[in-house]
PDB file of all heavy atoms in Angstrom:
ATOM      1  N   ARG A   1       0.866  -1.191   0.000  1.00  0.00           N
ATOM      2  CA  ARG A   1       0.000   0.000   0.000  1.00  0.00           C
ATOM      3  C   ARG A   1       0.893   1.228   0.000  1.00  0.00           C
ATOM      4  O   ARG A   1       1.915   1.259   0.665  1.00  0.00           O
ATOM      5  CB  ARG A   1      -0.890  -0.047   1.231  1.00  0.00           C
ATOM      6  CG  ARG A   1      -1.810   1.118   1.382  1.00  0.00           C
ATOM      7  CD  ARG A   1      -2.828   0.921   2.479  1.00  0.00           C
ATOM      8  NE  ARG A   1      -2.214   0.606   3.762  1.00  0.00           N
ATOM      9  CZ  ARG A   1      -2.891   0.221   4.832  1.00  0.00           C
ATOM     10  NH1 ARG A   1      -4.200   0.094   4.779  1.00  0.00           N
ATOM     11  NH2 ARG A   1      -2.272  -0.040   5.945  1.00  0.00           N
ATOM     12  N   SER A   2       0.490   2.263  -0.760  1.00  0.00           N
ATOM     13  CA  SER A   2       1.284   3.476  -0.860  1.00  0.00           C
ATOM     14  C   SER A   2       0.381   4.709  -0.884  1.00  0.00           C
ATOM     15  O   SER A   2      -0.637   4.722  -1.567  1.00  0.00           O
ATOM     16  CB  SER A   2       2.121   3.453  -2.150  1.00  0.00           C
ATOM     17  OG  SER A   2       2.814   4.669  -2.328  1.00  0.00           O
ATOM     18  N   SER A   3       0.772   5.733  -0.150  1.00  0.00           N
ATOM     19  CA  SER A   3       0.009   6.984  -0.165  1.00  0.00           C
ATOM     20  C   SER A   3       0.651   8.024  -1.089  1.00  0.00           C
ATOM     21  O   SER A   3       0.165   9.139  -1.198  1.00  0.00           O
ATOM     22  CB  SER A   3      -0.130   7.548   1.251  1.00  0.00           C
ATOM     23  OG  SER A   3       1.144   7.772   1.807  1.00  0.00           O
ATOM     24  N   ASP A   4       1.749   7.661  -1.770  1.00  0.00           N
ATOM     25  CA  ASP A   4       2.396   8.587  -2.705  1.00  0.00           C
ATOM     26  C   ASP A   4       2.654   7.922  -4.069  1.00  0.00           C
ATOM     27  O   ASP A   4       3.702   8.082  -4.666  1.00  0.00           O
ATOM     28  CB  ASP A   4       3.684   9.162  -2.104  1.00  0.00           C
ATOM     29  CG  ASP A   4       4.690   8.106  -1.694  1.00  0.00           C
ATOM     30  OD1 ASP A   4       4.487   6.908  -2.010  1.00  0.00           O
ATOM     31  OD2 ASP A   4       5.692   8.465  -1.052  1.00  0.00           O
ATOM     32  N   ASN A   5       1.659   7.167  -4.526  1.00  0.00           N
ATOM     33  CA  ASN A   5       1.691   6.520  -5.845  1.00  0.00           C
ATOM     34  C   ASN A   5       2.883   5.615  -6.075  1.00  0.00           C
ATOM     35  O   ASN A   5       3.439   5.559  -7.162  1.00  0.00           O
ATOM     36  CB  ASN A   5       1.577   7.556  -6.963  1.00  0.00           C
ATOM     37  CG  ASN A   5       0.206   8.171  -7.008  1.00  0.00           C
ATOM     38  OD1 ASN A   5      -0.791   7.456  -6.922  1.00  0.00           O
ATOM     39  ND2 ASN A   5       0.133   9.481  -7.122  1.00  0.00           N
ATOM     40  N   GLY A   6       3.307   4.903  -5.038  1.00  0.00           N
ATOM     41  CA  GLY A   6       4.348   3.902  -5.180  1.00  0.00           C
ATOM     42  C   GLY A   6       5.762   4.372  -4.897  1.00  0.00           C
ATOM     43  O   GLY A   6       6.699   3.587  -4.969  1.00  0.00           O
ATOM     44  N   GLN A   7       5.944   5.652  -4.593  1.00  0.00           N
ATOM     45  CA  GLN A   7       7.291   6.148  -4.272  1.00  0.00           C
ATOM     46  C   GLN A   7       7.821   5.470  -3.004  1.00  0.00           C
ATOM     47  O   GLN A   7       8.973   5.078  -2.943  1.00  0.00           O
ATOM     48  CB  GLN A   7       7.288   7.668  -4.101  1.00  0.00           C
ATOM     49  CG  GLN A   7       6.881   8.424  -5.344  1.00  0.00           C
ATOM     50  CD  GLN A   7       7.858   8.228  -6.483  1.00  0.00           C
ATOM     51  OE1 GLN A   7       9.066   8.182  -6.282  1.00  0.00           O
ATOM     52  NE2 GLN A   7       7.335   8.086  -7.682  1.00  0.00           N
ATOM     53  N   THR A   8       6.975   5.386  -1.997  1.00  0.00           N
ATOM     54  CA  THR A   8       7.270   4.619  -0.787  1.00  0.00           C
ATOM     55  C   THR A   8       6.069   3.713  -0.556  1.00  0.00           C
ATOM     56  O   THR A   8       4.990   3.952  -1.098  1.00  0.00           O
ATOM     57  CB  THR A   8       7.483   5.531   0.445  1.00  0.00           C
ATOM     58  OG1 THR A   8       6.294   6.291   0.672  1.00  0.00           O
ATOM     59  CG2 THR A   8       8.671   6.468   0.241  1.00  0.00           C
ATOM     60  N   ARG A   9       6.268   2.687   0.242  1.00  0.00           N
ATOM     61  CA  ARG A   9       5.163   1.750   0.423  1.00  0.00           C
ATOM     62  C   ARG A   9       5.201   1.067   1.779  1.00  0.00           C
ATOM     63  O   ARG A   9       6.246   1.004   2.412  1.00  0.00           O
ATOM     64  CB  ARG A   9       5.175   0.699  -0.668  1.00  0.00           C
ATOM     65  CG  ARG A   9       6.423  -0.173  -0.615  1.00  0.00           C
ATOM     66  CD  ARG A   9       6.523  -1.122  -1.759  1.00  0.00           C
ATOM     67  NE  ARG A   9       6.965  -0.404  -2.924  1.00  0.00           N
ATOM     68  CZ  ARG A   9       7.066  -0.920  -4.122  1.00  0.00           C
ATOM     69  NH1 ARG A   9       6.772  -2.167  -4.325  1.00  0.00           N
ATOM     70  NH2 ARG A   9       7.466  -0.206  -5.135  1.00  0.00           N
ATOM     71  N   GLU A  10       4.035   0.585   2.179  1.00  0.00           N
ATOM     72  CA  GLU A  10       3.923  -0.329   3.307  1.00  0.00           C
ATOM     73  C   GLU A  10       3.958  -1.719   2.670  1.00  0.00           C
ATOM     74  O   GLU A  10       3.010  -2.122   2.015  1.00  0.00           O
ATOM     75  CB  GLU A  10       2.601  -0.135   4.035  1.00  0.00           C
ATOM     76  CG  GLU A  10       2.441   1.195   4.720  1.00  0.00           C
ATOM     77  CD  GLU A  10       1.050   1.302   5.324  1.00  0.00           C
ATOM     78  OE1 GLU A  10       0.797   0.645   6.351  1.00  0.00           O
ATOM     79  OE2 GLU A  10       0.229   2.018   4.739  1.00  0.00           O
ATOM     80  N   PRO A  11       5.050  -2.462   2.824  1.00  0.00           N
ATOM     81  CA  PRO A  11       5.203  -3.710   2.080  1.00  0.00           C
ATOM     82  C   PRO A  11       4.642  -4.930   2.802  1.00  0.00           C
ATOM     83  O   PRO A  11       4.514  -4.961   4.024  1.00  0.00           O
ATOM     84  CB  PRO A  11       6.714  -3.834   1.942  1.00  0.00           C
ATOM     85  CG  PRO A  11       7.243  -3.207   3.184  1.00  0.00           C
ATOM     86  CD  PRO A  11       6.288  -2.063   3.484  1.00  0.00           C
ATOM     87  N   MET A  12       4.308  -5.917   2.015  1.00  0.00           N
ATOM     88  CA  MET A  12       3.965  -7.275   2.438  1.00  0.00           C
ATOM     89  C   MET A  12       2.857  -7.344   3.474  1.00  0.00           C
ATOM     90  O   MET A  12       2.920  -8.119   4.429  1.00  0.00           O
ATOM     91  CB  MET A  12       5.205  -8.016   2.896  1.00  0.00           C
ATOM     92  CG  MET A  12       6.226  -8.164   1.785  1.00  0.00           C
ATOM     93  SD  MET A  12       7.590  -9.239   2.163  1.00  0.00           S
ATOM     94  CE  MET A  12       6.824 -10.823   1.785  1.00  0.00           C
ATOM     95  N   LEU A  13       1.809  -6.532   3.281  1.00  0.00           N
ATOM     96  CA  LEU A  13       0.652  -6.574   4.180  1.00  0.00           C
ATOM     97  C   LEU A  13      -0.096  -7.885   3.973  1.00  0.00           C
ATOM     98  O   LEU A  13      -0.380  -8.278   2.840  1.00  0.00           O
ATOM     99  CB  LEU A  13      -0.281  -5.395   3.903  1.00  0.00           C
ATOM    100  CG  LEU A  13       0.343  -4.005   4.030  1.00  0.00           C
ATOM    101  CD1 LEU A  13      -0.648  -2.946   3.576  1.00  0.00           C
ATOM    102  CD2 LEU A  13       0.783  -3.745   5.458  1.00  0.00           C
ATOM    103  N   GLY A  14      -0.411  -8.565   5.036  1.00  0.00           N
ATOM    104  CA  GLY A  14      -1.208  -9.780   4.976  1.00  0.00           C
ATOM    105  C   GLY A  14      -0.547 -10.940   4.270  1.00  0.00           C
ATOM    106  O   GLY A  14      -1.230 -11.817   3.748  1.00  0.00           O
ATOM    107  N   CYS A  15       0.782 -10.966   4.252  1.00  0.00           N
ATOM    108  CA  CYS A  15       1.495 -12.029   3.534  1.00  0.00           C
ATOM    109  C   CYS A  15       0.991 -13.402   3.985  1.00  0.00           C
ATOM    110  O   CYS A  15       0.897 -13.694   5.164  1.00  0.00           O
ATOM    111  CB  CYS A  15       2.989 -11.909   3.786  1.00  0.00           C
ATOM    112  SG  CYS A  15       3.963 -13.085   2.807  1.00  0.00           S
ATOM    113  N   THR A  16       0.632 -14.220   3.010  1.00  0.00           N
ATOM    114  CA  THR A  16       0.155 -15.567   3.291  1.00  0.00           C
ATOM    115  C   THR A  16       0.735 -16.532   2.270  1.00  0.00           C
ATOM    116  O   THR A  16       1.218 -16.128   1.217  1.00  0.00           O
ATOM    117  CB  THR A  16      -1.393 -15.616   3.301  1.00  0.00           C
ATOM    118  OG1 THR A  16      -1.817 -16.854   3.835  1.00  0.00           O
ATOM    119  CG2 THR A  16      -1.975 -15.387   1.936  1.00  0.00           C
ATOM    120  N   THR A  17       0.689 -17.798   2.596  1.00  0.00           N
ATOM    121  CA  THR A  17       1.287 -18.846   1.773  1.00  0.00           C
ATOM    122  C   THR A  17       0.235 -19.880   1.403  1.00  0.00           C
ATOM    123  O   THR A  17      -0.623 -20.219   2.219  1.00  0.00           O
ATOM    124  CB  THR A  17       2.421 -19.535   2.564  1.00  0.00           C
ATOM    125  OG1 THR A  17       3.376 -18.548   2.956  1.00  0.00           O
ATOM    126  CG2 THR A  17       3.123 -20.582   1.733  1.00  0.00           C
ATOM    127  N   VAL A  18       0.324 -20.388   0.190  1.00  0.00           N
ATOM    128  CA  VAL A  18      -0.539 -21.508  -0.199  1.00  0.00           C
ATOM    129  C   VAL A  18      -0.074 -22.726   0.598  1.00  0.00           C
ATOM    130  O   VAL A  18       1.089 -23.127   0.503  1.00  0.00           O
ATOM    131  CB  VAL A  18      -0.454 -21.792  -1.719  1.00  0.00           C
ATOM    132  CG1 VAL A  18      -1.266 -23.022  -2.086  1.00  0.00           C
ATOM    133  CG2 VAL A  18      -0.892 -20.586  -2.529  1.00  0.00           C
ATOM    134  N   THR A  19      -0.964 -23.270   1.424  1.00  0.00           N
ATOM    135  CA  THR A  19      -0.594 -24.415   2.263  1.00  0.00           C
ATOM    136  C   THR A  19      -1.198 -25.726   1.766  1.00  0.00           C
ATOM    137  O   THR A  19      -0.696 -26.791   2.103  1.00  0.00           O
ATOM    138  CB  THR A  19      -1.024 -24.181   3.723  1.00  0.00           C
ATOM    139  OG1 THR A  19      -2.424 -23.935   3.763  1.00  0.00           O
ATOM    140  CG2 THR A  19      -0.277 -23.007   4.326  1.00  0.00           C
ATOM    141  N   SER A  20      -2.285 -25.644   1.009  1.00  0.00           N
ATOM    142  CA  SER A  20      -2.876 -26.829   0.402  1.00  0.00           C
ATOM    143  C   SER A  20      -3.747 -26.357  -0.752  1.00  0.00           C
ATOM    144  O   SER A  20      -4.125 -25.186  -0.826  1.00  0.00           O
ATOM    145  CB  SER A  20      -3.710 -27.612   1.422  1.00  0.00           C
ATOM    146  OG  SER A  20      -4.808 -26.852   1.850  1.00  0.00           O
ATOM    147  N   GLY A  21      -4.046 -27.239  -1.656  1.00  0.00           N
ATOM    148  CA  GLY A  21      -4.799 -26.819  -2.835  1.00  0.00           C
ATOM    149  C   GLY A  21      -3.970 -25.847  -3.646  1.00  0.00           C
ATOM    150  O   GLY A  21      -2.751 -25.940  -3.689  1.00  0.00           O
ATOM    151  N   GLY A  22      -4.600 -24.863  -4.244  1.00  0.00           N
ATOM    152  CA  GLY A  22      -3.860 -23.913  -5.058  1.00  0.00           C
ATOM    153  C   GLY A  22      -4.257 -22.470  -4.867  1.00  0.00           C
ATOM    154  O   GLY A  22      -3.787 -21.596  -5.584  1.00  0.00           O
ATOM    155  N   ASP A  23      -5.137 -22.189  -3.890  1.00  0.00           N
ATOM    156  CA  ASP A  23      -5.653 -20.835  -3.715  1.00  0.00           C
ATOM    157  C   ASP A  23      -5.272 -20.273  -2.349  1.00  0.00           C
ATOM    158  O   ASP A  23      -5.192 -21.019  -1.374  1.00  0.00           O
ATOM    159  CB  ASP A  23      -7.180 -20.810  -3.828  1.00  0.00           C
ATOM    160  CG  ASP A  23      -7.687 -21.334  -5.161  1.00  0.00           C
ATOM    161  OD1 ASP A  23      -6.886 -21.455  -6.097  1.00  0.00           O
ATOM    162  OD2 ASP A  23      -8.892 -21.617  -5.250  1.00  0.00           O
ATOM    163  N   ALA A  24      -5.032 -18.963  -2.292  1.00  0.00           N
ATOM    164  CA  ALA A  24      -4.781 -18.282  -1.019  1.00  0.00           C
ATOM    165  C   ALA A  24      -5.217 -16.834  -1.161  1.00  0.00           C
ATOM    166  O   ALA A  24      -5.163 -16.257  -2.255  1.00  0.00           O
ATOM    167  CB  ALA A  24      -3.304 -18.348  -0.631  1.00  0.00           C
ATOM    168  N   TYR A  25      -5.666 -16.253  -0.058  1.00  0.00           N
ATOM    169  CA  TYR A  25      -6.138 -14.871  -0.020  1.00  0.00           C
ATOM    170  C   TYR A  25      -5.480 -14.156   1.150  1.00  0.00           C
ATOM    171  O   TYR A  25      -5.329 -14.729   2.221  1.00  0.00           O
ATOM    172  CB  TYR A  25      -7.660 -14.821   0.187  1.00  0.00           C
ATOM    173  CG  TYR A  25      -8.439 -15.455  -0.932  1.00  0.00           C
ATOM    174  CD1 TYR A  25      -8.684 -16.821  -0.939  1.00  0.00           C
ATOM    175  CD2 TYR A  25      -8.912 -14.684  -1.973  1.00  0.00           C
ATOM    176  CE1 TYR A  25      -9.396 -17.410  -1.973  1.00  0.00           C
ATOM    177  CE2 TYR A  25      -9.632 -15.270  -3.008  1.00  0.00           C
ATOM    178  CZ  TYR A  25      -9.860 -16.630  -2.999  1.00  0.00           C
ATOM    179  OH  TYR A  25     -10.559 -17.197  -4.025  1.00  0.00           O
ATOM    180  N   THR A  26      -5.123 -12.889   0.954  1.00  0.00           N
ATOM    181  CA  THR A  26      -4.651 -12.077   2.070  1.00  0.00           C
ATOM    182  C   THR A  26      -5.856 -11.566   2.844  1.00  0.00           C
ATOM    183  O   THR A  26      -6.993 -11.685   2.388  1.00  0.00           O
ATOM    184  CB  THR A  26      -3.842 -10.847   1.588  1.00  0.00           C
ATOM    185  OG1 THR A  26      -4.724  -9.949   0.909  1.00  0.00           O
ATOM    186  CG2 THR A  26      -2.685 -11.242   0.693  1.00  0.00           C
ATOM    187  N   THR A  27      -5.618 -10.961   3.979  1.00  0.00           N
ATOM    188  CA  THR A  27      -6.675 -10.252   4.678  1.00  0.00           C
ATOM    189  C   THR A  27      -7.036  -9.016   3.859  1.00  0.00           C
ATOM    190  O   THR A  27      -6.276  -8.585   2.984  1.00  0.00           O
ATOM    191  CB  THR A  27      -6.215  -9.827   6.087  1.00  0.00           C
ATOM    192  OG1 THR A  27      -4.981  -9.122   5.971  1.00  0.00           O
ATOM    193  CG2 THR A  27      -6.009 -11.026   6.983  1.00  0.00           C
ATOM    194  N   GLN A  28      -8.174  -8.419   4.135  1.00  0.00           N
ATOM    195  CA  GLN A  28      -8.595  -7.210   3.429  1.00  0.00           C
ATOM    196  C   GLN A  28      -7.914  -5.994   4.045  1.00  0.00           C
ATOM    197  O   GLN A  28      -7.689  -5.942   5.250  1.00  0.00           O
ATOM    198  CB  GLN A  28     -10.105  -7.035   3.513  1.00  0.00           C
ATOM    199  CG  GLN A  28     -10.858  -8.054   2.717  1.00  0.00           C
ATOM    200  CD  GLN A  28     -12.346  -7.780   2.715  1.00  0.00           C
ATOM    201  OE1 GLN A  28     -12.890  -7.165   3.613  1.00  0.00           O
ATOM    202  NE2 GLN A  28     -13.019  -8.241   1.675  1.00  0.00           N
ATOM    203  N   TRP A  29      -7.612  -5.011   3.180  1.00  0.00           N
ATOM    204  CA  TRP A  29      -6.938  -3.782   3.615  1.00  0.00           C
ATOM    205  C   TRP A  29      -7.706  -2.569   3.130  1.00  0.00           C
ATOM    206  O   TRP A  29      -8.263  -2.574   2.031  1.00  0.00           O
ATOM    207  CB  TRP A  29      -5.506  -3.748   3.079  1.00  0.00           C
ATOM    208  CG  TRP A  29      -4.713  -4.860   3.659  1.00  0.00           C
ATOM    209  CD1 TRP A  29      -4.538  -6.106   3.116  1.00  0.00           C
ATOM    210  CD2 TRP A  29      -4.071  -4.881   4.904  1.00  0.00           C
ATOM    211  NE1 TRP A  29      -3.814  -6.883   3.962  1.00  0.00           N
ATOM    212  CE2 TRP A  29      -3.495  -6.152   5.079  1.00  0.00           C
ATOM    213  CE3 TRP A  29      -3.903  -3.939   5.912  1.00  0.00           C
ATOM    214  CZ2 TRP A  29      -2.780  -6.505   6.203  1.00  0.00           C
ATOM    215  CZ3 TRP A  29      -3.169  -4.297   7.035  1.00  0.00           C
ATOM    216  CH2 TRP A  29      -2.620  -5.559   7.172  1.00  0.00           C
ATOM    217  N   ASN A  30      -7.694  -1.524   3.937  1.00  0.00           N
ATOM    218  CA  ASN A  30      -8.375  -0.275   3.611  1.00  0.00           C
ATOM    219  C   ASN A  30      -7.710   0.374   2.406  1.00  0.00           C
ATOM    220  O   ASN A  30      -6.514   0.627   2.405  1.00  0.00           O
ATOM    221  CB  ASN A  30      -8.331   0.660   4.822  1.00  0.00           C
ATOM    222  CG  ASN A  30      -9.076   1.946   4.589  1.00  0.00           C
ATOM    223  OD1 ASN A  30      -9.592   2.207   3.515  1.00  0.00           O
ATOM    224  ND2 ASN A  30      -9.131   2.761   5.616  1.00  0.00           N
ATOM    225  N   ASP A  31      -8.499   0.665   1.390  1.00  0.00           N
ATOM    226  CA  ASP A  31      -7.968   1.326   0.195  1.00  0.00           C
ATOM    227  C   ASP A  31      -8.577   2.711   0.011  1.00  0.00           C
ATOM    228  O   ASP A  31      -8.616   3.237  -1.094  1.00  0.00           O
ATOM    229  CB  ASP A  31      -8.206   0.471  -1.045  1.00  0.00           C
ATOM    230  CG  ASP A  31      -9.674   0.303  -1.377  1.00  0.00           C
ATOM    231  OD1 ASP A  31     -10.532   0.588  -0.511  1.00  0.00           O
ATOM    232  OD2 ASP A  31      -9.969  -0.128  -2.497  1.00  0.00           O
ATOM    233  N   ASN A  32      -9.040   3.323   1.075  1.00  0.00           N
ATOM    234  CA  ASN A  32      -9.636   4.653   1.018  1.00  0.00           C
ATOM    235  C   ASN A  32      -8.521   5.697   0.976  1.00  0.00           C
ATOM    236  O   ASN A  32      -8.063   6.171   2.002  1.00  0.00           O
ATOM    237  CB  ASN A  32     -10.555   4.884   2.217  1.00  0.00           C
ATOM    238  CG  ASN A  32     -11.318   6.190   2.097  1.00  0.00           C
ATOM    239  OD1 ASN A  32     -11.332   6.797   1.031  1.00  0.00           O
ATOM    240  ND2 ASN A  32     -11.926   6.613   3.182  1.00  0.00           N
ATOM    241  N   GLY A  33      -8.052   6.035  -0.213  1.00  0.00           N
ATOM    242  CA  GLY A  33      -7.004   7.036  -0.379  1.00  0.00           C
ATOM    243  C   GLY A  33      -5.720   6.480  -0.970  1.00  0.00           C
ATOM    244  O   GLY A  33      -5.285   6.938  -2.007  1.00  0.00           O
ATOM    245  N   PRO A  34      -5.100   5.483  -0.352  1.00  0.00           N
ATOM    246  CA  PRO A  34      -3.836   5.000  -0.899  1.00  0.00           C
ATOM    247  C   PRO A  34      -4.041   4.131  -2.138  1.00  0.00           C
ATOM    248  O   PRO A  34      -5.134   3.630  -2.384  1.00  0.00           O
ATOM    249  CB  PRO A  34      -3.246   4.167   0.241  1.00  0.00           C
ATOM    250  CG  PRO A  34      -4.407   3.717   1.040  1.00  0.00           C
ATOM    251  CD  PRO A  34      -5.432   4.818   0.912  1.00  0.00           C
TER     252      PRO A  34
END
């Protein structure tokens, strides 16, 4: 997530790994503005 169009960022929010099957989802993050 970035509030300056990618110049700086909050990296790896909600990082998750596929543990079985083939699908994985991160947690939801607020996108109001960034």
